[in-house]
Amino acid sequence: NYLTVSGVRKLDEERKSATHLVQEMVYGAFNRTFYLPEIVNTTAVAATYHQGILEIHVPKDVKKVVKHSIEVK
């Protein structure tokens, strides 16, 4: 019941002027782990990556959702 997102960041930046050239390179791996509650349908989790944005869809399992009702007196 955990979701782990991991990747590698690669950033190359170059700045030029008349007298200087600055070139920076940043590389690094990362990962994040999230706990998923019991009501998540783990077989239907989906992810898309488009134009630098990662979208993760974590749907609820309708069968596992517990509805509580409170009686008002």
C-alpha atoms as a PDB file:
ATOM      1  CA  ASN A   1       0.000   0.000   0.000  1.00  0.00           C
ATOM      2  CA  TYR A   2       2.843   2.394  -0.815  1.00  0.00           C
ATOM      3  CA  LEU A   3       3.484   4.480  -3.912  1.00  0.00           C
ATOM      4  CA  THR A   4       7.097   5.389  -4.692  1.00  0.00           C
ATOM      5  CA  VAL A   5       8.000   8.057  -7.243  1.00  0.00           C
ATOM      6  CA  SER A   6      11.645   8.162  -8.284  1.00  0.00           C
ATOM      7  CA  GLY A   7      13.671   9.842 -10.986  1.00  0.00           C
ATOM      8  CA  VAL A   8      16.853  11.626 -11.952  1.00  0.00           C
ATOM      9  CA  ARG A   9      17.145  15.375 -12.308  1.00  0.00           C
ATOM     10  CA  LYS A  10      19.457  16.660 -15.048  1.00  0.00           C
ATOM     11  CA  LEU A  11      19.844  20.403 -15.402  1.00  0.00           C
ATOM     12  CA  ASP A  12      22.378  22.021 -17.717  1.00  0.00           C
ATOM     13  CA  GLU A  13      22.503  25.802 -17.739  1.00  0.00           C
ATOM     14  CA  GLU A  14      24.796  28.015 -19.769  1.00  0.00           C
ATOM     15  CA  ARG A  15      25.091  31.811 -19.627  1.00  0.00           C
ATOM     16  CA  LYS A  16      27.302  33.819 -21.951  1.00  0.00           C
ATOM     17  CA  SER A  17      28.410  37.411 -21.841  1.00  0.00           C
ATOM     18  CA  ALA A  18      31.106  39.345 -23.656  1.00  0.00           C
ATOM     19  CA  THR A  19      33.778  38.373 -21.124  1.00  0.00           C
ATOM     20  CA  HIS A  20      32.441  35.337 -19.261  1.00  0.00           C
ATOM     21  CA  LEU A  21      31.027  31.893 -19.863  1.00  0.00           C
ATOM     22  CA  VAL A  22      29.196  30.259 -16.947  1.00  0.00           C
ATOM     23  CA  GLN A  23      28.169  26.646 -17.295  1.00  0.00           C
ATOM     24  CA  GLU A  24      26.368  24.786 -14.486  1.00  0.00           C
ATOM     25  CA  MET A  25      25.425  21.123 -14.422  1.00  0.00           C
ATOM     26  CA  VAL A  26      23.242  19.676 -11.686  1.00  0.00           C
ATOM     27  CA  TYR A  27      22.521  15.953 -11.515  1.00  0.00           C
ATOM     28  CA  GLY A  28      20.799  14.037  -8.777  1.00  0.00           C
ATOM     29  CA  ALA A  29      18.507  11.133  -8.066  1.00  0.00           C
ATOM     30  CA  PHE A  30      15.409  11.500  -5.904  1.00  0.00           C
ATOM     31  CA  ASN A  31      12.545   9.388  -4.608  1.00  0.00           C
ATOM     32  CA  ARG A  32       9.412   9.989  -2.565  1.00  0.00           C
ATOM     33  CA  THR A  33       7.231   7.335  -0.958  1.00  0.00           C
ATOM     34  CA  PHE A  34       3.573   7.886  -0.095  1.00  0.00           C
ATOM     35  CA  TYR A  35       1.326   5.665   2.007  1.00  0.00           C
ATOM     36  CA  LEU A  36      -1.937   4.785   0.236  1.00  0.00           C
ATOM     37  CA  PRO A  37      -5.036   4.266   2.390  1.00  0.00           C
ATOM     38  CA  GLU A  38      -7.032   1.038   2.305  1.00  0.00           C
ATOM     39  CA  ILE A  39      -9.787   2.551   0.117  1.00  0.00           C
ATOM     40  CA  VAL A  40      -7.449   3.001  -2.891  1.00  0.00           C
ATOM     41  CA  ASN A  41      -7.828   0.692  -5.876  1.00  0.00           C
ATOM     42  CA  THR A  42      -4.116  -0.095  -6.298  1.00  0.00           C
ATOM     43  CA  THR A  43      -4.609  -1.951  -9.583  1.00  0.00           C
ATOM     44  CA  ALA A  44      -6.041   1.161 -11.266  1.00  0.00           C
ATOM     45  CA  VAL A  45      -3.312   3.679 -10.336  1.00  0.00           C
ATOM     46  CA  ALA A  46      -2.076   5.452 -13.470  1.00  0.00           C
ATOM     47  CA  ALA A  47       0.571   8.078 -14.210  1.00  0.00           C
ATOM     48  CA  THR A  48       1.263  10.385 -17.154  1.00  0.00           C
ATOM     49  CA  TYR A  49       4.199  12.715 -17.832  1.00  0.00           C
ATOM     50  CA  HIS A  50       3.717  15.599 -20.256  1.00  0.00           C
ATOM     51  CA  GLN A  51       5.753  18.809 -20.662  1.00  0.00           C
ATOM     52  CA  GLY A  52       7.532  18.406 -17.318  1.00  0.00           C
ATOM     53  CA  ILE A  53       4.412  17.659 -15.267  1.00  0.00           C
ATOM     54  CA  LEU A  54       3.818  14.270 -13.668  1.00  0.00           C
ATOM     55  CA  GLU A  55       0.153  13.457 -13.000  1.00  0.00           C
ATOM     56  CA  ILE A  56      -0.696  10.467 -10.841  1.00  0.00           C
ATOM     57  CA  HIS A  57      -4.301   9.264 -10.696  1.00  0.00           C
ATOM     58  CA  VAL A  58      -5.165   7.275  -7.565  1.00  0.00           C
ATOM     59  CA  PRO A  59      -8.829   6.205  -7.722  1.00  0.00           C
ATOM     60  CA  LYS A  60     -10.872   5.078  -4.754  1.00  0.00           C
ATOM     61  CA  ASP A  61     -12.277   1.563  -4.702  1.00  0.00           C
ATOM     62  CA  VAL A  62     -16.042   2.093  -4.492  1.00  0.00           C
ATOM     63  CA  LYS A  63     -16.517  -1.278  -2.789  1.00  0.00           C
ATOM     64  CA  LYS A  64     -14.175  -0.353   0.048  1.00  0.00           C
ATOM     65  CA  VAL A  65     -15.535   3.146   0.749  1.00  0.00           C
ATOM     66  CA  VAL A  66     -17.238   3.142   4.108  1.00  0.00           C
ATOM     67  CA  LYS A  67     -19.971   5.723   4.517  1.00  0.00           C
ATOM     68  CA  HIS A  68     -20.826   6.891   7.988  1.00  0.00           C
ATOM     69  CA  SER A  69     -24.067   8.528   8.907  1.00  0.00           C
ATOM     70  CA  ILE A  70     -24.777  10.389  12.094  1.00  0.00           C
ATOM     71  CA  GLU A  71     -28.316  10.500  13.389  1.00  0.00           C
ATOM     72  CA  VAL A  72     -29.367  13.956  14.481  1.00  0.00           C
ATOM     73  CA  LYS A  73     -31.777  13.985  17.428  1.00  0.00           C
END
